[in-house]
N, C-alpha and C. Protein backbone atom coordinates (compact mmCIF):
# COMPACT_ATOMS: atom_id res chain seq x y z
N UNK A 1 0.80 -1.18 0.00
CA UNK A 1 0.00 0.00 0.00
C UNK A 1 0.85 1.26 0.00
N UNK A 2 1.95 1.24 0.63
CA UNK A 2 2.82 2.41 0.73
C UNK A 2 3.29 2.84 -0.65
N UNK A 3 3.53 1.88 -1.53
CA UNK A 3 3.99 2.22 -2.88
C UNK A 3 2.90 2.96 -3.65
N UNK A 4 1.65 2.51 -3.49
CA UNK A 4 0.55 3.19 -4.18
C UNK A 4 0.36 4.61 -3.64
N UNK A 5 0.54 4.79 -2.37
CA UNK A 5 0.41 6.12 -1.77
C UNK A 5 1.51 7.03 -2.30
N UNK A 6 2.72 6.53 -2.32
CA UNK A 6 3.85 7.33 -2.83
C UNK A 6 3.64 7.64 -4.31
N UNK A 7 3.21 6.63 -5.07
CA UNK A 7 2.97 6.81 -6.50
C UNK A 7 1.87 7.86 -6.72
N UNK A 8 0.82 7.85 -5.96
CA UNK A 8 -0.27 8.82 -6.06
C UNK A 8 0.24 10.22 -5.73
N UNK A 9 1.05 10.35 -4.69
CA UNK A 9 1.61 11.65 -4.32
C UNK A 9 2.55 12.18 -5.40
N UNK A 10 3.34 11.31 -5.98
CA UNK A 10 4.26 11.71 -7.05
C UNK A 10 3.47 12.20 -8.26
N UNK A 11 2.44 11.45 -8.65
CA UNK A 11 1.62 11.87 -9.79
C UNK A 11 0.89 13.18 -9.51
N UNK A 12 0.37 13.32 -8.30
CA UNK A 12 -0.31 14.56 -7.94
C UNK A 12 0.67 15.73 -7.97
N UNK A 13 1.88 15.53 -7.48
CA UNK A 13 2.90 16.59 -7.50
C UNK A 13 3.28 16.93 -8.94
N UNK A 14 3.38 15.92 -9.80
CA UNK A 14 3.72 16.16 -11.20
C UNK A 14 2.61 16.97 -11.88
N UNK A 15 1.36 16.60 -11.60
CA UNK A 15 0.23 17.34 -12.20
C UNK A 15 0.22 18.78 -11.71
N UNK A 16 0.46 18.98 -10.43
CA UNK A 16 0.50 20.34 -9.88
C UNK A 16 1.65 21.13 -10.50
N UNK A 17 2.80 20.50 -10.69
CA UNK A 17 3.96 21.17 -11.30
C UNK A 17 3.67 21.56 -12.74
N UNK A 18 3.06 20.66 -13.51
CA UNK A 18 2.73 20.95 -14.90
C UNK A 18 1.73 22.10 -14.97
N UNK A 19 0.72 22.06 -14.13
CA UNK A 19 -0.26 23.15 -14.10
C UNK A 19 0.38 24.48 -13.71
N UNK A 20 1.30 24.44 -12.77
CA UNK A 20 1.98 25.66 -12.34
C UNK A 20 2.80 26.25 -13.48
N UNK A 21 3.52 25.40 -14.20
CA UNK A 21 4.32 25.86 -15.35
C UNK A 21 3.40 26.45 -16.41
N UNK A 22 2.29 25.78 -16.68
CA UNK A 22 1.34 26.25 -17.67
C UNK A 22 0.76 27.61 -17.26
N UNK A 23 0.37 27.75 -16.02
CA UNK A 23 -0.21 29.02 -15.56
C UNK A 23 0.81 30.15 -15.55
N UNK A 24 2.05 29.82 -15.23
CA UNK A 24 3.10 30.84 -15.28
C UNK A 24 3.32 31.29 -16.72
N UNK A 25 3.30 30.34 -17.67
CA UNK A 25 3.46 30.70 -19.09
C UNK A 25 2.30 31.59 -19.55
N UNK A 26 1.10 31.26 -19.12
CA UNK A 26 -0.07 32.09 -19.47
C UNK A 26 0.09 33.49 -18.88
N UNK A 27 0.53 33.57 -17.64
CA UNK A 27 0.72 34.87 -16.99
C UNK A 27 1.76 35.71 -17.73
N UNK A 28 2.85 35.08 -18.17
CA UNK A 28 3.89 35.80 -18.92
C UNK A 28 3.33 36.33 -20.23
N UNK A 29 2.57 35.50 -20.94
CA UNK A 29 1.98 35.93 -22.22
C UNK A 29 0.97 37.06 -22.01
N UNK A 30 0.19 36.98 -20.95
CA UNK A 30 -0.76 38.05 -20.66
C UNK A 30 -0.04 39.35 -20.32
N UNK A 31 1.07 39.25 -19.63
CA UNK A 31 1.85 40.45 -19.30
C UNK A 31 2.40 41.08 -20.58
N UNK A 32 2.91 40.26 -21.49
CA UNK A 32 3.41 40.78 -22.76
C UNK A 32 2.27 41.41 -23.56
N UNK A 33 1.12 40.75 -23.58
CA UNK A 33 -0.03 41.27 -24.32
C UNK A 33 -0.49 42.61 -23.75
N UNK A 34 -0.42 42.77 -22.45
CA UNK A 34 -0.85 44.05 -21.86
C UNK A 34 0.06 45.18 -22.31
N UNK A 35 1.35 44.89 -22.45
CA UNK A 35 2.27 45.90 -22.97
C UNK A 35 1.94 46.30 -24.39
N UNK A 36 1.63 45.29 -25.22
CA UNK A 36 1.27 45.58 -26.61
C UNK A 36 -0.05 46.35 -26.69
N UNK A 37 -1.00 45.98 -25.84
CA UNK A 37 -2.28 46.70 -25.84
C UNK A 37 -2.12 48.14 -25.38
N UNK A 38 -1.23 48.36 -24.44
CA UNK A 38 -0.98 49.74 -23.99
C UNK A 38 -0.39 50.57 -25.12
N UNK A 39 0.55 49.97 -25.86
CA UNK A 39 1.14 50.68 -27.00
C UNK A 39 0.09 50.94 -28.08
N UNK A 40 -0.77 49.98 -28.31
CA UNK A 40 -1.83 50.15 -29.30
C UNK A 40 -2.80 51.25 -28.88
N UNK A 41 -3.17 51.27 -27.62
CA UNK A 41 -4.08 52.31 -27.12
C UNK A 41 -3.45 53.69 -27.26
N UNK A 42 -2.16 53.79 -26.96
CA UNK A 42 -1.47 55.07 -27.13
C UNK A 42 -1.45 55.50 -28.58
N UNK A 43 -1.23 54.56 -29.49
CA UNK A 43 -1.24 54.87 -30.92
C UNK A 43 -2.61 55.33 -31.38
N UNK A 44 -3.65 54.69 -30.89
CA UNK A 44 -5.01 55.09 -31.28
C UNK A 44 -5.35 56.48 -30.77
N UNK A 45 -4.87 56.82 -29.59
CA UNK A 45 -5.10 58.18 -29.07
C UNK A 45 -4.38 59.20 -29.95
N UNK A 46 -3.16 58.87 -30.38
CA UNK A 46 -2.42 59.79 -31.25
C UNK A 46 -3.14 59.95 -32.60
N UNK A 47 -3.67 58.85 -33.14
CA UNK A 47 -4.41 58.94 -34.40
C UNK A 47 -5.64 59.82 -34.23
N UNK A 48 -6.35 59.64 -33.13
CA UNK A 48 -7.54 60.46 -32.87
C UNK A 48 -7.16 61.94 -32.78
N UNK A 49 -6.09 62.25 -32.07
CA UNK A 49 -5.67 63.64 -31.92
C UNK A 49 -5.20 64.23 -33.24
N UNK A 50 -4.53 63.42 -34.07
CA UNK A 50 -4.05 63.92 -35.36
C UNK A 50 -5.19 64.10 -36.36
N UNK A 51 -6.25 63.31 -36.23
CA UNK A 51 -7.35 63.38 -37.18
C UNK A 51 -8.38 64.44 -36.79
N UNK A 52 -8.31 64.96 -35.59
CA UNK A 52 -9.30 65.92 -35.12
C UNK A 52 -9.40 67.16 -36.01
N UNK A 53 -8.29 67.76 -36.45
CA UNK A 53 -8.41 68.97 -37.27
C UNK A 53 -8.90 68.70 -38.69
N UNK A 54 -9.00 67.44 -39.10
CA UNK A 54 -9.38 67.14 -40.47
C UNK A 54 -10.81 67.59 -40.78
N UNK A 55 -11.70 67.53 -39.83
CA UNK A 55 -13.09 67.89 -40.10
C UNK A 55 -13.19 69.34 -40.56
N UNK A 56 -12.50 70.22 -39.87
CA UNK A 56 -12.53 71.64 -40.24
C UNK A 56 -11.94 71.84 -41.63
N UNK A 57 -10.82 71.18 -41.90
CA UNK A 57 -10.18 71.33 -43.21
C UNK A 57 -11.04 70.76 -44.32
N UNK A 58 -11.68 69.62 -44.06
CA UNK A 58 -12.54 69.02 -45.08
C UNK A 58 -13.77 69.87 -45.34
N UNK A 59 -14.28 70.53 -44.32
CA UNK A 59 -15.42 71.45 -44.50
C UNK A 59 -15.01 72.61 -45.40
N UNK A 60 -13.81 73.14 -45.19
CA UNK A 60 -13.30 74.23 -46.03
C UNK A 60 -13.14 73.77 -47.47
N UNK A 61 -12.58 72.57 -47.64
CA UNK A 61 -12.39 72.04 -48.99
C UNK A 61 -13.73 71.81 -49.68
N UNK A 62 -14.69 71.27 -48.95
CA UNK A 62 -16.02 71.04 -49.53
C UNK A 62 -16.66 72.35 -49.97
N UNK A 63 -16.51 73.40 -49.17
CA UNK A 63 -17.05 74.71 -49.55
C UNK A 63 -16.39 75.25 -50.81
N UNK A 64 -15.08 75.10 -50.89
CA UNK A 64 -14.36 75.57 -52.07
C UNK A 64 -14.76 74.78 -53.30
N UNK A 65 -14.94 73.48 -53.17
CA UNK A 65 -15.35 72.66 -54.31
C UNK A 65 -16.77 73.01 -54.75
N UNK A 66 -17.61 73.33 -53.80
CA UNK A 66 -18.98 73.74 -54.14
C UNK A 66 -18.97 75.03 -54.96
N UNK A 67 -18.15 75.98 -54.54
CA UNK A 67 -18.03 77.25 -55.29
C UNK A 67 -17.45 76.99 -56.68
N UNK A 68 -16.47 76.12 -56.75
CA UNK A 68 -15.85 75.79 -58.05
C UNK A 68 -16.87 75.10 -58.95
N UNK A 69 -17.71 74.26 -58.39
CA UNK A 69 -18.75 73.58 -59.17
C UNK A 69 -19.71 74.60 -59.77
N UNK A 70 -20.08 75.59 -58.97
CA UNK A 70 -20.99 76.64 -59.45
C UNK A 70 -20.35 77.39 -60.61
N UNK A 71 -19.07 77.71 -60.50
CA UNK A 71 -18.38 78.43 -61.57
C UNK A 71 -18.28 77.58 -62.84
N UNK A 72 -18.01 76.29 -62.67
CA UNK A 72 -17.94 75.40 -63.84
C UNK A 72 -19.30 75.30 -64.54
N UNK A 73 -20.37 75.28 -63.76
CA UNK A 73 -21.70 75.24 -64.36
C UNK A 73 -21.99 76.52 -65.13
N UNK A 74 -21.55 77.66 -64.61
CA UNK A 74 -21.74 78.93 -65.32
C UNK A 74 -20.96 78.92 -66.63
N UNK A 75 -19.74 78.41 -66.61
CA UNK A 75 -18.94 78.34 -67.84
C UNK A 75 -19.60 77.39 -68.83
N UNK A 76 -20.11 76.27 -68.33
CA UNK A 76 -20.78 75.31 -69.21
C UNK A 76 -22.02 75.94 -69.85
N UNK A 77 -22.79 76.68 -69.05
CA UNK A 77 -23.96 77.35 -69.60
C UNK A 77 -23.56 78.38 -70.65
N UNK A 78 -22.49 79.11 -70.38
CA UNK A 78 -22.00 80.11 -71.33
C UNK A 78 -21.55 79.44 -72.63
N UNK A 79 -20.84 78.33 -72.53
CA UNK A 79 -20.39 77.63 -73.73
C UNK A 79 -21.56 77.05 -74.50
N UNK A 80 -22.58 76.56 -73.80
CA UNK A 80 -23.77 76.06 -74.49
C UNK A 80 -24.48 77.17 -75.21
N UNK A 81 -24.58 78.34 -74.60
CA UNK A 81 -25.22 79.49 -75.26
C UNK A 81 -24.42 79.93 -76.47
N UNK A 82 -23.09 79.91 -76.35
CA UNK A 82 -22.23 80.30 -77.47
C UNK A 82 -22.38 79.31 -78.61
N UNK A 83 -22.44 78.07 -78.31
CA UNK A 83 -22.60 77.04 -79.33
C UNK A 83 -23.95 77.20 -80.04
N UNK A 84 -24.97 77.47 -79.26
CA UNK A 84 -26.30 77.67 -79.83
C UNK A 84 -26.35 78.91 -80.71
N UNK A 85 -25.63 79.94 -80.28
CA UNK A 85 -25.61 81.19 -81.04
C UNK A 85 -24.86 81.00 -82.37
N UNK A 86 -23.87 80.13 -82.37
CA UNK A 86 -23.11 79.87 -83.59
C UNK A 86 -23.84 78.92 -84.52
N UNK A 87 -24.92 78.33 -84.04
CA UNK A 87 -25.73 77.46 -84.87
C UNK A 87 -25.26 76.02 -84.92
N UNK A 88 -24.49 75.60 -84.00
CA UNK A 88 -24.00 74.20 -83.99
C UNK A 88 -24.96 73.30 -83.34
């Protein structure tokens, strides 16, 4: 009986050791992942801060394009009238 008891304790200790190694490896990987996530979060904050002024600039560009569109339509109307006047 003593051999079975010792064998059971050895197997239990081996299982506990394997689980401990596995959990330590998981903890190390989670620690590394937290560092990467922190860097990613910092990068996303920088992207947000850099993109913030774009809305104002895009609004200005849209206004300028709208004015340019109006001018192009006036030129097109003028050219159509000229073409009609020439009889084409």
